[in-house]
Amino acid sequence: MGYSTLSNDNDIKVCVIMVGLPARGKSFISQKIIRYLSWLSIKAKCFNVGNYRRDVSGNVPIDAEFFNFDNANGFKLRELAAQNAMKDILDWFEKENGSVAVFDATNSTRERRNWLKDVCEKNAIQPMFLESWCNDYESIVSNAKDIGSTSPDYEDFEPCVAEADFLNRIAQYERFYEPLDAQTDRDMTFVKLVNIVEEVIINKIRTYLESRIVFYVMNIRPKPKCIWLSRHGESIYNVEKKIGGDSSLSERGFQYAKKLRHLVKESAGDVKLTAWTSTLKRTQQTAKYLPYKKLQWKALDELDAGVCDGMTYEEIEKKYPEDFKARDNDKYEYRYRGGESYRDVVIRLEPVIMELERQENVLIITHQAVLRCIYAYFMNVPQEESPWMSIPLHTLIKLEPRAYGTKVTKINANIPAVSTYKEKGTSQVGELSQSSTKLHQLLNDSPLEDKF
């Protein structure tokens, strides 16, 4: 099941054209959109015009004066960069059958936006403008400081000089900035975010795919946050090598549940948390000793193994050999008889992801397949790889989402647990072989354990 099952817009091609002054979070939003769509298996790619501008500018100094609209040479180079980016977008749509491109630039004048609109429409691409408008001076200065310290434009600048120059760059753009307007631009498809969350203006959203993008960006909250992930403690089914079910924790699983409270406290301090669990017994038992508000999500229940629920992998291989082989060949797409695939889990997790974007600090206690899907979203892991990731029992994982990636910290409880990892091509469960460790060393480069 691909994106075509999610809408009737199979052949729609969308170019999300960012709009806004520098330091308004456009690149942050662009990267989030790409991550979200890729997680849903919608082919998407970001084209950052700043990278193209650096390519064409050569040895020309990139300071605030370069962005003065009266600087003929600087203006010419910036236009060339935009043209090169758009050419690559057209090539990408044609040669790679992409669905959504993001044109990440200021696009601060109506002249530029009209040109982009015309190019898209002549090539059967739906242009969708997304403006991030902000007058929160404290946020702008904070973003400018961050950009001044991380942008390739300021590699050889002192931080204070870089910040001052970047604020001057913003001033150059402000002189000619023409925001999207509900009247003047009434014939355009656009969404305008005012200070990210204060107000959202939506105009002429025509397709289902566009509506999904709009709904997603409406849920983005750029505030710093942490998300803690944990599998339930070792269960009786884990010990018996069975999959699925609703068994209780083992004795060691209960030890982990008692220790989890201290692990979270050491990691989170006095941060206010909400703990989310599935509706299954083993996650609720794991959360029993936590002093936080708890919410149950049916969407966090483990992948449904259908007729194989409660069986061992050896039993599945013996009773359903063709299914066993088919699942190994395409683990993300394979759906258990009467059960689910990883893709099915991703679809039911979408409301959870939306709520995670809105919330500030959350602890999720759930199951291996579900954690793999959530982890893949935050770490931008390709879907074909996500079902083979190793996420260990009795380990707390801390995620710190940032503008261009997510920091991961793994905290071991040092309580033994069985290894429930099954390698491709075998029905045996156990430790990873030397030949397969590379794919699975996604969490702090250490051998990990899996279940599904």
Protein backbone atom coordinates (compact mmCIF):
# COMPACT_ATOMS: atom_id res chain seq x y z
CA MET A 1 0.00 0.00 0.00
CA GLY A 2 1.55 3.30 -1.07
CA TYR A 3 0.61 6.94 -1.02
CA SER A 4 -1.99 6.31 -3.73
CA THR A 5 -4.12 4.51 -1.17
CA LEU A 6 -4.17 7.63 0.98
CA SER A 7 -5.71 9.99 -1.56
CA ASN A 8 -6.98 10.42 -5.08
CA ASP A 9 -4.18 12.85 -5.90
CA ASN A 10 -1.80 10.17 -7.18
CA ASP A 11 -0.42 12.25 -10.03
CA ILE A 12 -0.41 15.63 -8.29
CA LYS A 13 2.99 17.31 -8.06
CA VAL A 14 3.32 20.06 -5.46
CA CYS A 15 6.05 22.65 -5.03
CA VAL A 16 5.94 24.20 -1.56
CA ILE A 17 7.46 27.66 -2.02
CA MET A 18 8.66 29.16 1.25
CA VAL A 19 8.17 32.88 1.87
CA GLY A 20 9.53 35.10 4.60
CA LEU A 21 12.36 37.22 5.89
CA PRO A 22 15.55 35.55 7.16
CA ALA A 23 15.49 34.08 10.69
CA ARG A 24 11.79 33.23 10.52
CA GLY A 25 12.21 29.46 10.70
CA LYS A 26 11.67 28.72 7.00
CA SER A 27 14.43 26.11 6.78
CA PHE A 28 13.24 24.52 10.04
CA ILE A 29 9.72 24.19 8.63
CA SER A 30 11.07 22.96 5.28
CA GLN A 31 13.04 20.16 6.91
CA LYS A 32 10.08 19.16 9.08
CA ILE A 33 7.81 18.90 6.03
CA ILE A 34 10.30 16.68 4.21
CA ARG A 35 10.74 14.44 7.25
CA TYR A 36 7.00 14.07 7.74
CA LEU A 37 6.21 13.30 4.09
CA SER A 38 9.12 10.87 3.74
CA TRP A 39 7.91 9.05 6.87
CA LEU A 40 4.57 8.62 5.11
CA SER A 41 6.42 7.25 2.05
CA ILE A 42 5.56 10.34 0.00
CA LYS A 43 8.58 11.20 -2.15
CA ALA A 44 9.74 14.65 -1.10
CA LYS A 45 12.92 16.72 -1.34
CA CYS A 46 14.07 20.15 -0.17
CA PHE A 47 15.98 22.53 -2.46
CA ASN A 48 17.70 25.20 -0.38
CA VAL A 49 18.49 28.21 -2.56
CA GLY A 50 21.18 29.37 -0.13
CA ASN A 51 23.25 26.34 -1.13
CA TYR A 52 22.84 27.22 -4.82
CA ARG A 53 23.76 30.84 -4.08
CA ARG A 54 26.99 29.74 -2.39
CA ASP A 55 27.79 27.62 -5.46
CA VAL A 56 27.39 30.47 -7.97
CA SER A 57 28.91 33.30 -5.90
CA GLY A 58 32.46 31.91 -5.96
CA ASN A 59 34.81 34.30 -4.16
CA VAL A 60 32.28 37.13 -3.90
CA PRO A 61 32.05 38.22 -0.24
CA ILE A 62 28.75 37.09 1.32
CA ASP A 63 28.00 39.88 3.76
CA ALA A 64 24.89 41.98 4.29
CA GLU A 65 25.74 44.25 1.35
CA PHE A 66 25.53 41.25 -1.00
CA PHE A 67 21.78 41.12 -0.21
CA ASN A 68 21.19 44.79 -0.94
CA PHE A 69 18.67 44.87 -3.78
CA ASP A 70 20.60 47.83 -5.22
CA ASN A 71 23.70 45.61 -5.51
CA ALA A 72 23.38 44.62 -9.17
CA ASN A 73 25.94 41.82 -9.06
CA GLY A 74 24.59 40.33 -5.84
CA PHE A 75 21.04 40.48 -7.21
CA LYS A 76 22.11 38.78 -10.44
CA LEU A 77 23.82 35.95 -8.57
CA ARG A 78 20.83 35.42 -6.29
CA GLU A 79 18.50 35.24 -9.28
CA LEU A 80 20.82 32.73 -10.95
CA ALA A 81 20.78 30.60 -7.80
CA ALA A 82 16.96 30.60 -7.80
CA GLN A 83 16.89 29.63 -11.47
CA ASN A 84 19.33 26.77 -10.90
CA ALA A 85 17.29 25.49 -7.96
CA MET A 86 14.08 25.58 -10.00
CA LYS A 87 15.78 23.77 -12.88
CA ASP A 88 16.81 20.99 -10.51
CA ILE A 89 13.28 20.81 -9.13
CA LEU A 90 11.85 20.34 -12.62
CA ASP A 91 14.45 17.65 -13.38
CA TRP A 92 13.68 15.90 -10.07
CA PHE A 93 9.96 15.79 -10.75
CA GLU A 94 10.50 14.47 -14.27
CA LYS A 95 13.31 11.97 -13.73
CA GLU A 96 12.60 10.75 -10.19
CA ASN A 97 8.81 10.97 -10.14
CA GLY A 98 8.76 13.11 -7.01
CA SER A 99 5.56 14.23 -5.31
CA VAL A 100 6.56 17.27 -3.22
CA ALA A 101 9.49 19.67 -3.65
CA VAL A 102 10.20 22.42 -1.16
CA PHE A 103 11.77 25.60 -2.61
CA ASP A 104 13.46 27.03 0.48
CA ALA A 105 14.28 30.73 0.05
CA THR A 106 13.01 34.15 1.14
CA ASN A 107 10.98 34.72 -2.05
CA SER A 108 10.23 38.09 -0.55
CA THR A 109 8.84 39.93 -3.60
CA ARG A 110 5.72 39.38 -5.67
CA GLU A 111 7.84 39.49 -8.81
CA ARG A 112 9.83 36.44 -7.66
CA ARG A 113 6.71 34.61 -6.49
CA ASN A 114 4.85 35.27 -9.75
CA TRP A 115 7.81 33.90 -11.70
CA LEU A 116 7.85 30.75 -9.58
CA LYS A 117 4.10 30.35 -9.95
CA ASP A 118 4.32 30.64 -13.75
CA VAL A 119 7.17 28.13 -14.03
CA CYS A 120 5.34 25.61 -11.87
CA GLU A 121 2.04 25.90 -13.69
CA LYS A 122 3.67 25.62 -17.12
CA ASN A 123 5.17 22.33 -15.96
CA ALA A 124 1.95 20.89 -14.43
CA ILE A 125 3.20 21.48 -10.87
CA GLN A 126 0.88 22.91 -8.24
CA PRO A 127 2.58 25.89 -6.51
CA MET A 128 1.76 26.23 -2.83
CA PHE A 129 3.22 29.22 -0.98
CA LEU A 130 4.02 28.87 2.71
CA GLU A 131 4.90 32.09 4.52
CA SER A 132 6.41 32.27 7.98
CA TRP A 133 5.68 35.80 9.20
CA CYS A 134 7.13 36.85 12.53
CA ASN A 135 7.46 40.09 14.49
CA ASP A 136 8.64 38.46 17.73
CA TYR A 137 11.92 40.35 18.10
CA GLU A 138 13.28 38.04 20.81
CA SER A 139 12.73 34.99 18.60
CA ILE A 140 14.28 36.73 15.57
CA VAL A 141 17.42 37.72 17.50
CA SER A 142 17.73 34.20 18.91
CA ASN A 143 17.44 32.70 15.42
CA ALA A 144 19.94 35.22 14.05
CA LYS A 145 22.45 34.27 16.73
CA ASP A 146 22.00 30.58 15.94
CA ILE A 147 22.34 31.14 12.18
CA GLY A 148 25.39 33.36 12.68
CA SER A 149 27.13 30.55 14.53
CA THR A 150 26.13 27.68 12.19
CA SER A 151 25.69 29.05 8.66
CA PRO A 152 28.43 28.33 6.07
CA ASP A 153 28.19 32.03 5.18
CA TYR A 154 29.87 32.90 8.49
CA GLU A 155 32.53 30.23 8.86
CA ASP A 156 35.33 32.78 9.26
CA PHE A 157 33.39 35.35 11.30
CA GLU A 158 33.52 36.02 15.00
CA PRO A 159 30.09 35.14 16.50
CA CYS A 160 29.22 38.72 17.45
CA VAL A 161 30.26 40.01 14.01
CA ALA A 162 28.28 37.27 12.28
CA GLU A 163 25.16 38.03 14.31
CA ALA A 164 25.41 41.77 13.57
CA ASP A 165 25.93 41.15 9.86
CA PHE A 166 22.99 38.78 9.70
CA LEU A 167 20.72 41.34 11.35
CA ASN A 168 21.90 43.81 8.69
CA ARG A 169 21.03 41.21 6.03
CA ILE A 170 17.50 41.06 7.44
CA ALA A 171 17.30 44.86 7.23
CA GLN A 172 18.23 44.71 3.53
CA TYR A 173 15.38 42.31 2.85
CA GLU A 174 12.91 44.30 4.95
CA ARG A 175 13.25 47.25 2.56
CA PHE A 176 11.62 45.29 -0.28
CA TYR A 177 9.64 42.60 1.54
CA GLU A 178 6.09 42.10 0.27
CA PRO A 179 4.18 39.70 2.55
CA LEU A 180 1.42 37.49 1.22
CA ASP A 181 -1.91 39.28 1.40
CA ALA A 182 -5.40 37.74 1.43
CA GLN A 183 -6.65 40.32 -1.07
CA THR A 184 -3.71 40.95 -3.37
CA ASP A 185 -2.78 37.25 -3.51
CA ARG A 186 -6.30 35.87 -3.39
CA ASP A 187 -5.78 33.78 -6.53
CA MET A 188 -2.75 31.96 -5.09
CA THR A 189 -2.68 28.77 -3.04
CA PHE A 190 -1.01 29.70 0.23
CA VAL A 191 -0.83 29.25 3.97
CA LYS A 192 0.52 32.02 6.18
CA LEU A 193 1.80 31.27 9.68
CA VAL A 194 1.77 34.34 11.93
CA ASN A 195 4.36 33.89 14.69
CA ILE A 196 4.08 30.13 13.98
CA VAL A 197 1.05 29.49 16.20
CA GLU A 198 -0.75 32.81 16.79
CA GLU A 199 -2.72 32.80 13.55
CA VAL A 200 -2.94 30.69 10.40
CA ILE A 201 -4.35 32.10 7.14
CA ILE A 202 -5.26 29.51 4.50
CA ASN A 203 -6.19 30.36 0.93
CA LYS A 204 -7.31 28.12 -1.96
CA ILE A 205 -5.94 24.80 -0.75
CA ARG A 206 -7.10 22.57 -3.58
CA THR A 207 -5.76 19.04 -3.12
CA TYR A 208 -5.69 16.41 -0.42
CA LEU A 209 -1.90 16.39 -0.40
CA GLU A 210 -1.79 20.15 0.17
CA SER A 211 -4.29 19.83 3.00
CA ARG A 212 -2.09 17.24 4.71
CA ILE A 213 0.89 19.59 4.54
CA VAL A 214 -1.18 22.47 5.92
CA PHE A 215 -2.54 20.37 8.77
CA TYR A 216 0.98 19.25 9.66
CA VAL A 217 2.55 22.71 9.72
CA MET A 218 -0.34 23.94 11.85
CA ASN A 219 0.76 21.46 14.52
CA ILE A 220 4.46 22.38 14.55
CA ARG A 221 5.68 23.96 17.77
CA PRO A 222 9.35 25.01 17.54
CA LYS A 223 9.88 25.20 21.32
CA PRO A 224 12.69 23.06 22.77
CA LYS A 225 11.43 19.69 23.95
CA CYS A 226 12.55 16.20 24.90
CA ILE A 227 10.87 12.91 24.13
CA TRP A 228 11.75 9.78 26.07
CA LEU A 229 11.12 6.36 24.53
CA SER A 230 11.15 2.95 26.16
CA ARG A 231 9.99 -0.53 25.36
CA HIS A 232 7.99 -2.17 28.10
CA GLY A 233 9.99 -4.27 30.54
CA GLU A 234 10.82 -7.83 29.63
CA SER A 235 7.59 -9.83 29.34
CA ILE A 236 6.79 -13.47 29.87
CA TYR A 237 6.22 -13.79 26.12
CA ASN A 238 9.68 -12.30 25.51
CA VAL A 239 11.19 -15.04 27.67
CA GLU A 240 9.15 -17.68 25.83
CA LYS A 241 10.21 -16.23 22.43
CA LYS A 242 6.58 -15.57 21.48
CA ILE A 243 5.41 -12.51 19.55
CA GLY A 244 2.37 -10.33 20.21
CA GLY A 245 -0.07 -11.28 22.95
CA ASP A 246 -0.93 -9.41 26.12
CA SER A 247 1.29 -11.09 28.66
CA SER A 248 2.49 -9.68 31.96
CA LEU A 249 6.03 -8.61 32.73
CA SER A 250 8.61 -11.12 33.87
CA GLU A 251 10.34 -10.71 37.21
CA ARG A 252 13.15 -8.77 35.52
CA GLY A 253 10.56 -6.71 33.66
CA PHE A 254 9.09 -5.60 36.98
CA GLN A 255 12.59 -4.71 38.18
CA TYR A 256 12.92 -2.44 35.15
CA ALA A 257 9.53 -0.85 35.85
CA LYS A 258 10.68 0.06 39.36
CA LYS A 259 13.99 1.45 38.12
CA LEU A 260 12.47 3.38 35.22
CA ARG A 261 11.17 6.04 37.61
CA HIS A 262 14.72 6.82 38.72
CA LEU A 263 16.14 6.71 35.18
CA VAL A 264 13.59 9.25 33.97
CA LYS A 265 14.12 11.46 37.02
CA GLU A 266 17.88 11.49 36.48
CA SER A 267 17.44 12.37 32.82
CA ALA A 268 14.53 14.81 33.01
CA GLY A 269 15.06 16.44 36.39
CA ASP A 270 12.02 18.45 37.42
CA VAL A 271 10.65 18.80 33.88
CA LYS A 272 6.91 18.24 33.75
CA LEU A 273 6.12 15.08 31.82
CA THR A 274 3.18 13.09 30.56
CA ALA A 275 3.60 9.32 30.16
CA TRP A 276 1.91 7.66 27.18
CA THR A 277 1.38 3.90 27.06
CA SER A 278 -0.43 1.44 24.83
CA THR A 279 -3.58 -0.31 26.03
CA LEU A 280 -1.66 -3.55 26.59
CA LYS A 281 -0.88 -4.87 30.05
CA ARG A 282 2.91 -4.91 29.81
CA THR A 283 3.26 -1.18 29.03
CA GLN A 284 0.91 -0.18 31.83
CA GLN A 285 2.78 -2.39 34.28
CA THR A 286 6.03 -0.74 33.16
CA ALA A 287 4.53 2.71 33.82
CA LYS A 288 3.05 1.71 37.19
CA TYR A 289 5.65 3.42 39.38
CA LEU A 290 5.98 6.64 37.41
CA PRO A 291 4.72 9.77 39.22
CA TYR A 292 3.39 11.36 36.04
CA LYS A 293 0.00 11.77 34.44
CA LYS A 294 -0.60 8.71 32.23
CA LEU A 295 -2.52 8.47 28.96
CA GLN A 296 -3.35 5.29 27.04
CA TRP A 297 -3.23 5.30 23.24
CA LYS A 298 -4.74 2.44 21.25
CA ALA A 299 -2.53 3.68 18.40
CA LEU A 300 0.53 2.70 20.48
CA ASP A 301 -0.45 -0.97 20.63
CA GLU A 302 2.05 -3.40 19.15
CA LEU A 303 1.94 -4.41 15.49
CA ASP A 304 -0.90 -6.95 15.12
CA ALA A 305 0.57 -10.32 14.18
CA GLY A 306 -2.83 -11.69 13.12
CA VAL A 307 -2.93 -15.49 12.94
CA CYS A 308 0.71 -15.57 14.14
CA ASP A 309 -0.08 -13.86 17.44
CA GLY A 310 1.35 -15.84 20.33
CA MET A 311 3.60 -17.96 18.13
CA THR A 312 7.38 -18.24 18.05
CA TYR A 313 9.30 -17.46 14.87
CA GLU A 314 10.18 -21.15 14.57
CA GLU A 315 6.48 -22.04 14.66
CA ILE A 316 5.67 -19.37 12.06
CA GLU A 317 8.41 -20.61 9.73
CA LYS A 318 7.13 -24.17 10.03
CA LYS A 319 3.39 -23.42 9.65
CA TYR A 320 3.56 -20.48 7.20
CA PRO A 321 6.88 -20.87 5.34
CA GLU A 322 5.88 -18.69 2.37
CA ASP A 323 4.68 -15.90 4.65
CA PHE A 324 7.82 -16.15 6.76
CA LYS A 325 9.97 -15.69 3.66
CA ALA A 326 7.78 -12.90 2.25
CA ARG A 327 8.08 -10.91 5.47
CA ASP A 328 11.86 -11.19 5.48
CA ASN A 329 11.95 -10.04 1.84
CA ASP A 330 9.89 -6.89 2.46
CA LYS A 331 9.37 -6.41 6.15
CA TYR A 332 7.96 -2.88 5.87
CA GLU A 333 5.18 -3.79 3.43
CA TYR A 334 4.40 -7.35 4.57
CA ARG A 335 1.08 -7.66 6.38
CA TYR A 336 0.47 -10.63 8.68
CA ARG A 337 -2.59 -12.68 7.77
CA GLY A 338 -5.41 -10.97 9.61
CA GLY A 339 -2.91 -8.51 11.05
CA GLU A 340 -0.79 -5.48 10.17
CA SER A 341 2.28 -4.31 8.32
CA TYR A 342 4.77 -1.66 9.40
CA ARG A 343 3.12 0.69 6.92
CA ASP A 344 -0.21 0.11 8.69
CA VAL A 345 1.43 1.04 11.99
CA VAL A 346 2.82 4.27 10.51
CA ILE A 347 -0.64 5.28 9.30
CA ARG A 348 -2.25 4.73 12.70
CA LEU A 349 0.63 6.53 14.41
CA GLU A 350 0.10 9.76 12.46
CA PRO A 351 -2.20 11.31 15.13
CA VAL A 352 0.42 10.41 17.75
CA ILE A 353 3.12 12.21 15.73
CA MET A 354 0.89 15.27 15.34
CA GLU A 355 0.32 15.39 19.08
CA LEU A 356 4.05 14.89 19.77
CA GLU A 357 4.74 17.95 17.60
CA ARG A 358 2.31 19.97 19.71
CA GLN A 359 3.47 18.71 23.12
CA GLU A 360 6.62 19.77 24.93
CA ASN A 361 7.89 16.78 26.97
CA VAL A 362 6.54 13.24 26.69
CA LEU A 363 7.59 9.77 27.85
CA ILE A 364 6.34 6.97 25.59
CA ILE A 365 6.29 3.38 26.81
CA THR A 366 5.30 1.09 24.00
CA HIS A 367 6.43 -1.81 21.82
CA GLN A 368 9.30 -2.62 19.47
CA ALA A 369 7.60 -2.15 16.09
CA VAL A 370 5.87 1.02 17.25
CA LEU A 371 9.07 2.47 18.69
CA ARG A 372 10.86 1.71 15.44
CA CYS A 373 8.29 3.73 13.52
CA ILE A 374 8.43 6.66 15.93
CA TYR A 375 12.22 6.59 16.01
CA ALA A 376 12.34 6.50 12.20
CA TYR A 377 10.27 9.69 12.08
CA PHE A 378 12.56 11.69 14.34
CA MET A 379 15.77 10.28 12.90
CA ASN A 380 14.66 10.38 9.25
CA VAL A 381 15.44 6.68 8.79
CA PRO A 382 14.41 5.23 5.38
CA GLN A 383 11.28 3.14 5.73
CA GLU A 384 12.86 0.04 4.22
CA GLU A 385 15.49 0.11 6.99
CA SER A 386 13.25 0.99 9.93
CA PRO A 387 11.86 -2.56 10.54
CA TRP A 388 15.40 -3.87 11.01
CA MET A 389 16.55 -1.30 13.55
CA SER A 390 17.57 -2.54 16.96
CA ILE A 391 15.94 -0.93 19.96
CA PRO A 392 16.81 -2.67 23.22
CA LEU A 393 14.78 -3.85 26.16
CA HIS A 394 15.48 -2.17 29.51
CA THR A 395 16.87 0.98 27.91
CA LEU A 396 15.56 4.53 28.06
CA ILE A 397 16.12 6.60 24.91
CA LYS A 398 16.10 10.39 25.09
CA LEU A 399 15.42 12.34 21.89
CA GLU A 400 16.09 16.07 21.64
CA PRO A 401 14.62 17.32 18.32
CA ARG A 402 16.50 20.27 16.83
CA ALA A 403 16.20 22.32 13.65
CA TYR A 404 18.39 20.07 11.49
CA GLY A 405 18.34 16.77 13.32
CA THR A 406 17.72 14.98 16.60
CA LYS A 407 20.19 14.32 19.40
CA VAL A 408 19.95 10.81 20.86
CA THR A 409 21.00 9.65 24.32
CA LYS A 410 20.72 6.00 25.36
CA ILE A 411 20.42 5.20 29.08
CA ASN A 412 20.91 1.57 30.08
CA ALA A 413 19.10 0.27 33.16
CA ASN A 414 21.72 -2.49 33.61
CA ILE A 415 18.98 -5.05 34.25
CA PRO A 416 19.42 -8.22 32.16
CA ALA A 417 16.80 -9.10 29.55
CA VAL A 418 16.54 -11.74 26.86
CA SER A 419 17.58 -10.81 23.37
CA THR A 420 14.50 -10.92 21.13
CA TYR A 421 16.15 -9.83 17.89
CA LYS A 422 15.51 -11.93 14.79
CA GLU A 423 17.93 -11.52 11.93
CA LYS A 424 16.78 -11.71 8.33
CA GLY A 425 16.79 -15.27 6.98
CA THR A 426 16.53 -17.09 10.28
CA SER A 427 13.83 -18.00 12.78
CA GLN A 428 16.29 -17.92 15.66
CA VAL A 429 16.34 -15.02 18.08
CA GLY A 430 19.49 -13.79 19.77
CA GLU A 431 22.42 -11.45 19.54
CA LEU A 432 23.33 -9.71 16.30
CA SER A 433 25.92 -11.33 14.08
CA GLN A 434 29.07 -9.41 13.23
CA SER A 435 27.93 -9.04 9.61
CA SER A 436 24.70 -7.26 10.44
CA THR A 437 25.74 -4.83 13.14
CA LYS A 438 26.26 -1.82 10.86
CA LEU A 439 22.57 -1.43 10.01
CA HIS A 440 21.54 -1.77 13.61
CA GLN A 441 24.04 0.54 15.26
CA LEU A 442 21.68 3.50 15.04
CA LEU A 443 21.55 4.11 18.76
CA ASN A 444 24.91 5.22 20.10
CA ASP A 445 26.82 2.67 18.02
CA SER A 446 26.22 -0.20 20.39
CA PRO A 447 24.78 -3.70 19.74
CA LEU A 448 21.10 -3.62 20.54
CA GLU A 449 18.19 -6.05 20.83
CA ASP A 450 14.99 -6.30 18.83
CA LYS A 451 11.63 -8.01 19.02
CA PHE A 452 9.62 -7.50 15.82
